[in-house]
Amino acid sequence: MSEEKKPKFDLNKHTARLLMNEPFFAALSRRIDKQSTNVIPTAGVMVDKKTAQFKMLYNPEFFEGLTDVQKLGVLKHEFYHIVFEHVTGRKPEGGLTKQDNMCMDLAINSHLLNELPDNCCLPGQGPFEWAPPGKSYEWYKANWKEQEPEEGDGEAGEGGEGGEGVGGGAGGGAGEGEEATIDERSDESSNHHG
């Protein structure tokens, strides 16, 4: 008896839907090499040192577990890391830290409320109640308040999907605090979904 295989996750289908609904991202998306990987838990963007081009790494298993709205939110989250120059002009000289990534995620996620997976870095919510929405990465970094994990929880910035951007991304597992995953496994600079 042969096992029926489920279809492989196709990021292009969701990227196309985003570009039809929000054409702002179209020109940017065409300039980003998108690569499936299991090396990171969620998604992240970087500048590839060999090609000097933007690259988005994404975990297809992570994306498969998201709703359609969340898939588009994570894509926008990663694209915003590039728009806001988090992996280029505004990237800290010494490289990105977990705190940098969470502060960048807070700045981005202010624009993506109700579009991201649970456990994201969201200003004004959960461990980030101290952080008002709508501020810049630099503001969140300058006003950072150390987060105390609640009993039974992981460290702040770690979670279900959420970050890079990247990743995560969108925060809440989509990269919150997971940015170091890429740096630990490659010499490319990245921003993980969170």
C-alpha atoms as a PDB file:
ATOM      1  CA  MET A   1       0.000   0.000   0.000  1.00  0.00           C
ATOM      2  CA  SER A   2       1.542   3.335  -1.003  1.00  0.00           C
ATOM      3  CA  GLU A   3       1.420   6.312   1.279  1.00  0.00           C
ATOM      4  CA  GLU A   4      -0.223   9.363  -0.213  1.00  0.00           C
ATOM      5  CA  LYS A   5       2.141  12.323  -0.115  1.00  0.00           C
ATOM      6  CA  LYS A   6       0.756  15.729   0.684  1.00  0.00           C
ATOM      7  CA  PRO A   7       1.718  18.457  -1.774  1.00  0.00           C
ATOM      8  CA  LYS A   8       4.921  20.338  -1.071  1.00  0.00           C
ATOM      9  CA  PHE A   9       4.431  23.831   0.389  1.00  0.00           C
ATOM     10  CA  ASP A  10       4.561  26.452  -2.384  1.00  0.00           C
ATOM     11  CA  LEU A  11       5.591  29.895  -1.120  1.00  0.00           C
ATOM     12  CA  ASN A  12       5.132  31.363  -4.617  1.00  0.00           C
ATOM     13  CA  LYS A  13       1.353  30.872  -4.403  1.00  0.00           C
ATOM     14  CA  HIS A  14       1.179  33.006  -1.261  1.00  0.00           C
ATOM     15  CA  THR A  15       3.693  35.565  -2.510  1.00  0.00           C
ATOM     16  CA  ALA A  16       1.634  36.022  -5.696  1.00  0.00           C
ATOM     17  CA  ARG A  17      -1.522  36.591  -3.636  1.00  0.00           C
ATOM     18  CA  LEU A  18       0.281  39.208  -1.529  1.00  0.00           C
ATOM     19  CA  LEU A  19       1.571  41.001  -4.616  1.00  0.00           C
ATOM     20  CA  MET A  20      -1.890  41.117  -6.191  1.00  0.00           C
ATOM     21  CA  ASN A  21      -3.420  42.532  -3.001  1.00  0.00           C
ATOM     22  CA  GLU A  22      -0.529  44.831  -2.067  1.00  0.00           C
ATOM     23  CA  PRO A  23       1.490  45.832  -5.144  1.00  0.00           C
ATOM     24  CA  PHE A  24       3.918  47.897  -3.023  1.00  0.00           C
ATOM     25  CA  PHE A  25       5.759  44.658  -2.259  1.00  0.00           C
ATOM     26  CA  ALA A  26       5.929  43.450  -5.899  1.00  0.00           C
ATOM     27  CA  ALA A  27       9.167  45.140  -7.016  1.00  0.00           C
ATOM     28  CA  LEU A  28      10.870  44.245  -3.745  1.00  0.00           C
ATOM     29  CA  SER A  29       9.773  40.602  -3.840  1.00  0.00           C
ATOM     30  CA  ARG A  30      11.179  40.130  -7.345  1.00  0.00           C
ATOM     31  CA  ARG A  31      14.609  41.116  -6.005  1.00  0.00           C
ATOM     32  CA  ILE A  32      14.634  38.618  -3.119  1.00  0.00           C
ATOM     33  CA  ASP A  33      15.905  35.070  -3.579  1.00  0.00           C
ATOM     34  CA  LYS A  34      13.545  32.847  -1.566  1.00  0.00           C
ATOM     35  CA  GLN A  35      15.006  29.594  -0.285  1.00  0.00           C
ATOM     36  CA  SER A  36      13.286  26.775   1.599  1.00  0.00           C
ATOM     37  CA  THR A  37      15.255  25.381   4.559  1.00  0.00           C
ATOM     38  CA  ASN A  38      14.855  23.524   7.825  1.00  0.00           C
ATOM     39  CA  VAL A  39      17.900  25.299   9.322  1.00  0.00           C
ATOM     40  CA  ILE A  40      15.701  28.008  10.838  1.00  0.00           C
ATOM     41  CA  PRO A  41      12.415  27.517  12.688  1.00  0.00           C
ATOM     42  CA  THR A  42      10.470  30.276  10.928  1.00  0.00           C
ATOM     43  CA  ALA A  43      11.762  32.791   8.356  1.00  0.00           C
ATOM     44  CA  GLY A  44      14.464  35.416   8.000  1.00  0.00           C
ATOM     45  CA  VAL A  45      16.019  37.839   5.540  1.00  0.00           C
ATOM     46  CA  MET A  46      19.647  38.706   4.920  1.00  0.00           C
ATOM     47  CA  VAL A  47      22.088  40.035   2.393  1.00  0.00           C
ATOM     48  CA  ASP A  48      23.934  37.124   0.793  1.00  0.00           C
ATOM     49  CA  LYS A  49      27.633  37.987   1.074  1.00  0.00           C
ATOM     50  CA  LYS A  50      28.517  36.026  -2.061  1.00  0.00           C
ATOM     51  CA  THR A  51      25.956  37.653  -4.362  1.00  0.00           C
ATOM     52  CA  ALA A  52      25.216  40.911  -2.491  1.00  0.00           C
ATOM     53  CA  GLN A  53      21.522  40.153  -3.075  1.00  0.00           C
ATOM     54  CA  PHE A  54      18.676  39.910  -0.603  1.00  0.00           C
ATOM     55  CA  LYS A  55      17.766  36.388   0.448  1.00  0.00           C
ATOM     56  CA  MET A  56      14.764  35.135   2.376  1.00  0.00           C
ATOM     57  CA  LEU A  57      15.103  31.779   4.113  1.00  0.00           C
ATOM     58  CA  TYR A  58      11.866  30.152   5.210  1.00  0.00           C
ATOM     59  CA  ASN A  59      10.855  26.945   6.891  1.00  0.00           C
ATOM     60  CA  PRO A  60       8.006  25.370   4.856  1.00  0.00           C
ATOM     61  CA  GLU A  61       6.760  23.375   7.860  1.00  0.00           C
ATOM     62  CA  PHE A  62       6.360  26.611   9.806  1.00  0.00           C
ATOM     63  CA  PHE A  63       4.402  28.238   6.966  1.00  0.00           C
ATOM     64  CA  GLU A  64       2.159  25.191   6.568  1.00  0.00           C
ATOM     65  CA  GLY A  65       0.926  25.683  10.135  1.00  0.00           C
ATOM     66  CA  LEU A  66      -0.198  29.275   9.546  1.00  0.00           C
ATOM     67  CA  THR A  67      -3.509  30.657   8.357  1.00  0.00           C
ATOM     68  CA  ASP A  68      -3.520  32.417   4.976  1.00  0.00           C
ATOM     69  CA  VAL A  69      -3.663  35.808   6.729  1.00  0.00           C
ATOM     70  CA  GLN A  70      -0.672  34.883   8.882  1.00  0.00           C
ATOM     71  CA  LYS A  71       1.322  33.658   5.863  1.00  0.00           C
ATOM     72  CA  LEU A  72       0.875  37.046   4.209  1.00  0.00           C
ATOM     73  CA  GLY A  73       1.667  38.809   7.492  1.00  0.00           C
ATOM     74  CA  VAL A  74       4.939  36.903   7.857  1.00  0.00           C
ATOM     75  CA  LEU A  75       5.885  37.703   4.248  1.00  0.00           C
ATOM     76  CA  LYS A  76       5.184  41.401   4.850  1.00  0.00           C
ATOM     77  CA  HIS A  77       7.121  41.229   8.128  1.00  0.00           C
ATOM     78  CA  GLU A  78      10.197  39.885   6.337  1.00  0.00           C
ATOM     79  CA  PHE A  79       9.884  42.387   3.490  1.00  0.00           C
ATOM     80  CA  TYR A  80       9.612  45.238   6.018  1.00  0.00           C
ATOM     81  CA  HIS A  81      12.994  44.227   7.475  1.00  0.00           C
ATOM     82  CA  ILE A  82      14.396  45.131   4.056  1.00  0.00           C
ATOM     83  CA  VAL A  83      12.256  48.264   3.584  1.00  0.00           C
ATOM     84  CA  PHE A  84      13.324  49.561   7.017  1.00  0.00           C
ATOM     85  CA  GLU A  85      16.982  48.750   6.202  1.00  0.00           C
ATOM     86  CA  HIS A  86      17.360  46.396   9.174  1.00  0.00           C
ATOM     87  CA  VAL A  87      19.828  44.212   7.262  1.00  0.00           C
ATOM     88  CA  THR A  88      21.636  47.063   5.505  1.00  0.00           C
ATOM     89  CA  GLY A  89      21.960  50.735   6.506  1.00  0.00           C
ATOM     90  CA  ARG A  90      20.505  50.437  10.031  1.00  0.00           C
ATOM     91  CA  LYS A  91      22.107  47.129  10.949  1.00  0.00           C
ATOM     92  CA  PRO A  92      24.323  47.515  14.034  1.00  0.00           C
ATOM     93  CA  GLU A  93      28.058  47.496  13.266  1.00  0.00           C
ATOM     94  CA  GLY A  94      28.763  44.523  15.510  1.00  0.00           C
ATOM     95  CA  GLY A  95      25.956  42.435  13.998  1.00  0.00           C
ATOM     96  CA  LEU A  96      22.443  41.728  15.189  1.00  0.00           C
ATOM     97  CA  THR A  97      21.748  40.581  18.720  1.00  0.00           C
ATOM     98  CA  LYS A  98      18.600  38.904  20.017  1.00  0.00           C
ATOM     99  CA  GLN A  99      17.596  42.230  21.567  1.00  0.00           C
ATOM    100  CA  ASP A 100      18.164  44.076  18.254  1.00  0.00           C
ATOM    101  CA  ASN A 101      15.976  41.564  16.483  1.00  0.00           C
ATOM    102  CA  MET A 102      13.164  41.889  19.028  1.00  0.00           C
ATOM    103  CA  CYS A 103      13.325  45.698  18.844  1.00  0.00           C
ATOM    104  CA  MET A 104      13.199  45.543  15.038  1.00  0.00           C
ATOM    105  CA  ASP A 105      10.265  43.139  15.261  1.00  0.00           C
ATOM    106  CA  LEU A 106       8.416  45.513  17.599  1.00  0.00           C
ATOM    107  CA  ALA A 107       8.863  48.354  15.089  1.00  0.00           C
ATOM    108  CA  ILE A 108       7.600  46.225  12.195  1.00  0.00           C
ATOM    109  CA  ASN A 109       4.800  44.431  14.008  1.00  0.00           C
ATOM    110  CA  SER A 110       3.165  47.740  14.951  1.00  0.00           C
ATOM    111  CA  HIS A 111       2.073  47.799  11.298  1.00  0.00           C
ATOM    112  CA  LEU A 112       0.863  44.188  11.212  1.00  0.00           C
ATOM    113  CA  LEU A 113      -1.530  43.841  14.138  1.00  0.00           C
ATOM    114  CA  ASN A 114      -3.988  40.942  13.662  1.00  0.00           C
ATOM    115  CA  GLU A 115      -1.913  39.567  10.759  1.00  0.00           C
ATOM    116  CA  LEU A 116       0.719  37.550  12.623  1.00  0.00           C
ATOM    117  CA  PRO A 117       0.919  34.254  14.519  1.00  0.00           C
ATOM    118  CA  ASP A 118       0.419  34.132  18.275  1.00  0.00           C
ATOM    119  CA  ASN A 119       3.420  34.798  20.530  1.00  0.00           C
ATOM    120  CA  CYS A 120       4.848  37.534  18.305  1.00  0.00           C
ATOM    121  CA  CYS A 121       6.707  40.548  19.622  1.00  0.00           C
ATOM    122  CA  LEU A 122       3.774  42.967  19.730  1.00  0.00           C
ATOM    123  CA  PRO A 123       4.140  46.421  21.264  1.00  0.00           C
ATOM    124  CA  GLY A 124       1.797  47.037  24.179  1.00  0.00           C
ATOM    125  CA  GLN A 125       1.030  43.338  24.638  1.00  0.00           C
ATOM    126  CA  GLY A 126       2.316  40.553  26.859  1.00  0.00           C
ATOM    127  CA  PRO A 127       5.961  40.985  27.850  1.00  0.00           C
ATOM    128  CA  PHE A 128       6.071  44.147  25.727  1.00  0.00           C
ATOM    129  CA  GLU A 129       3.350  46.098  27.569  1.00  0.00           C
ATOM    130  CA  TRP A 130       5.964  48.798  28.229  1.00  0.00           C
ATOM    131  CA  ALA A 131       6.413  49.388  24.490  1.00  0.00           C
ATOM    132  CA  PRO A 132       3.971  51.762  22.773  1.00  0.00           C
ATOM    133  CA  PRO A 133       3.161  50.896  19.149  1.00  0.00           C
ATOM    134  CA  GLY A 134       4.474  52.908  16.236  1.00  0.00           C
ATOM    135  CA  LYS A 135       8.045  53.560  17.377  1.00  0.00           C
ATOM    136  CA  SER A 136      11.300  52.889  15.549  1.00  0.00           C
ATOM    137  CA  TYR A 137      13.816  50.125  16.147  1.00  0.00           C
ATOM    138  CA  GLU A 138      16.153  52.716  17.673  1.00  0.00           C
ATOM    139  CA  TRP A 139      13.450  53.924  20.080  1.00  0.00           C
ATOM    140  CA  TYR A 140      12.695  50.407  21.304  1.00  0.00           C
ATOM    141  CA  LYS A 141      16.424  49.714  21.705  1.00  0.00           C
ATOM    142  CA  ALA A 142      17.004  52.933  23.684  1.00  0.00           C
ATOM    143  CA  ASN A 143      13.999  52.259  25.939  1.00  0.00           C
ATOM    144  CA  TRP A 144      14.446  48.484  26.291  1.00  0.00           C
ATOM    145  CA  LYS A 145      13.072  46.914  29.454  1.00  0.00           C
ATOM    146  CA  GLU A 146      14.469  43.511  30.367  1.00  0.00           C
ATOM    147  CA  GLN A 147      11.796  40.853  30.213  1.00  0.00           C
ATOM    148  CA  GLU A 148      11.266  38.395  33.036  1.00  0.00           C
ATOM    149  CA  PRO A 149      10.020  35.032  31.793  1.00  0.00           C
ATOM    150  CA  GLU A 150       6.836  33.867  33.472  1.00  0.00           C
ATOM    151  CA  GLU A 151       6.875  30.492  35.168  1.00  0.00           C
ATOM    152  CA  GLY A 152       6.633  27.813  32.522  1.00  0.00           C
ATOM    153  CA  ASP A 153       7.531  30.175  29.691  1.00  0.00           C
ATOM    154  CA  GLY A 154      10.728  30.389  27.699  1.00  0.00           C
ATOM    155  CA  GLU A 155      12.814  33.528  27.565  1.00  0.00           C
ATOM    156  CA  ALA A 156      11.184  36.617  26.125  1.00  0.00           C
ATOM    157  CA  GLY A 157      11.655  36.581  22.408  1.00  0.00           C
ATOM    158  CA  GLU A 158      11.372  32.836  22.031  1.00  0.00           C
ATOM    159  CA  GLY A 159       8.149  31.367  20.919  1.00  0.00           C
ATOM    160  CA  GLY A 160       5.987  29.442  18.576  1.00  0.00           C
ATOM    161  CA  GLU A 161       6.404  30.696  15.135  1.00  0.00           C
ATOM    162  CA  GLY A 162       6.791  34.079  15.005  1.00  0.00           C
ATOM    163  CA  GLY A 163      10.490  35.505  14.246  1.00  0.00           C
ATOM    164  CA  GLU A 164      12.808  37.117  11.542  1.00  0.00           C
ATOM    165  CA  GLY A 165      12.976  38.540  10.208  1.00  0.00           C
ATOM    166  CA  VAL A 166      12.638  37.202  10.455  1.00  0.00           C
ATOM    167  CA  GLY A 167      12.587  36.451  11.204  1.00  0.00           C
ATOM    168  CA  GLY A 168      11.621  36.213  11.689  1.00  0.00           C
ATOM    169  CA  GLY A 169       9.529  37.648  11.356  1.00  0.00           C
ATOM    170  CA  ALA A 170       6.519  38.284  12.769  1.00  0.00           C
ATOM    171  CA  GLY A 171       7.547  37.627  16.240  1.00  0.00           C
ATOM    172  CA  GLY A 172       6.043  34.986  18.404  1.00  0.00           C
ATOM    173  CA  GLY A 173       8.061  32.109  17.272  1.00  0.00           C
ATOM    174  CA  ALA A 174       8.317  33.635  13.860  1.00  0.00           C
ATOM    175  CA  GLY A 175      11.683  34.662  14.818  1.00  0.00           C
ATOM    176  CA  GLU A 176      11.456  36.468  18.078  1.00  0.00           C
ATOM    177  CA  GLY A 177      14.905  36.036  19.319  1.00  0.00           C
ATOM    178  CA  GLU A 178      15.605  33.264  16.874  1.00  0.00           C
ATOM    179  CA  GLU A 179      17.698  35.511  14.633  1.00  0.00           C
ATOM    180  CA  ALA A 180      20.888  34.046  16.049  1.00  0.00           C
ATOM    181  CA  THR A 181      19.979  30.717  14.504  1.00  0.00           C
ATOM    182  CA  ILE A 182      21.082  31.860  11.061  1.00  0.00           C
ATOM    183  CA  ASP A 183      24.201  33.610  12.323  1.00  0.00           C
ATOM    184  CA  GLU A 184      25.236  30.493  14.227  1.00  0.00           C
ATOM    185  CA  ARG A 185      25.040  28.388  11.082  1.00  0.00           C
ATOM    186  CA  SER A 186      26.390  30.785   8.455  1.00  0.00           C
ATOM    187  CA  ASP A 187      28.508  33.860   8.100  1.00  0.00           C
ATOM    188  CA  GLU A 188      25.730  35.830   6.437  1.00  0.00           C
ATOM    189  CA  SER A 189      24.023  38.651   8.284  1.00  0.00           C
ATOM    190  CA  SER A 190      20.348  38.103   8.789  1.00  0.00           C
ATOM    191  CA  ASN A 191      17.212  39.227  10.452  1.00  0.00           C
ATOM    192  CA  HIS A 192      14.964  36.451  11.599  1.00  0.00           C
ATOM    193  CA  HIS A 193      11.186  36.662  11.606  1.00  0.00           C
ATOM    194  CA  GLY A 194       9.814  37.639  14.924  1.00  0.00           C
END
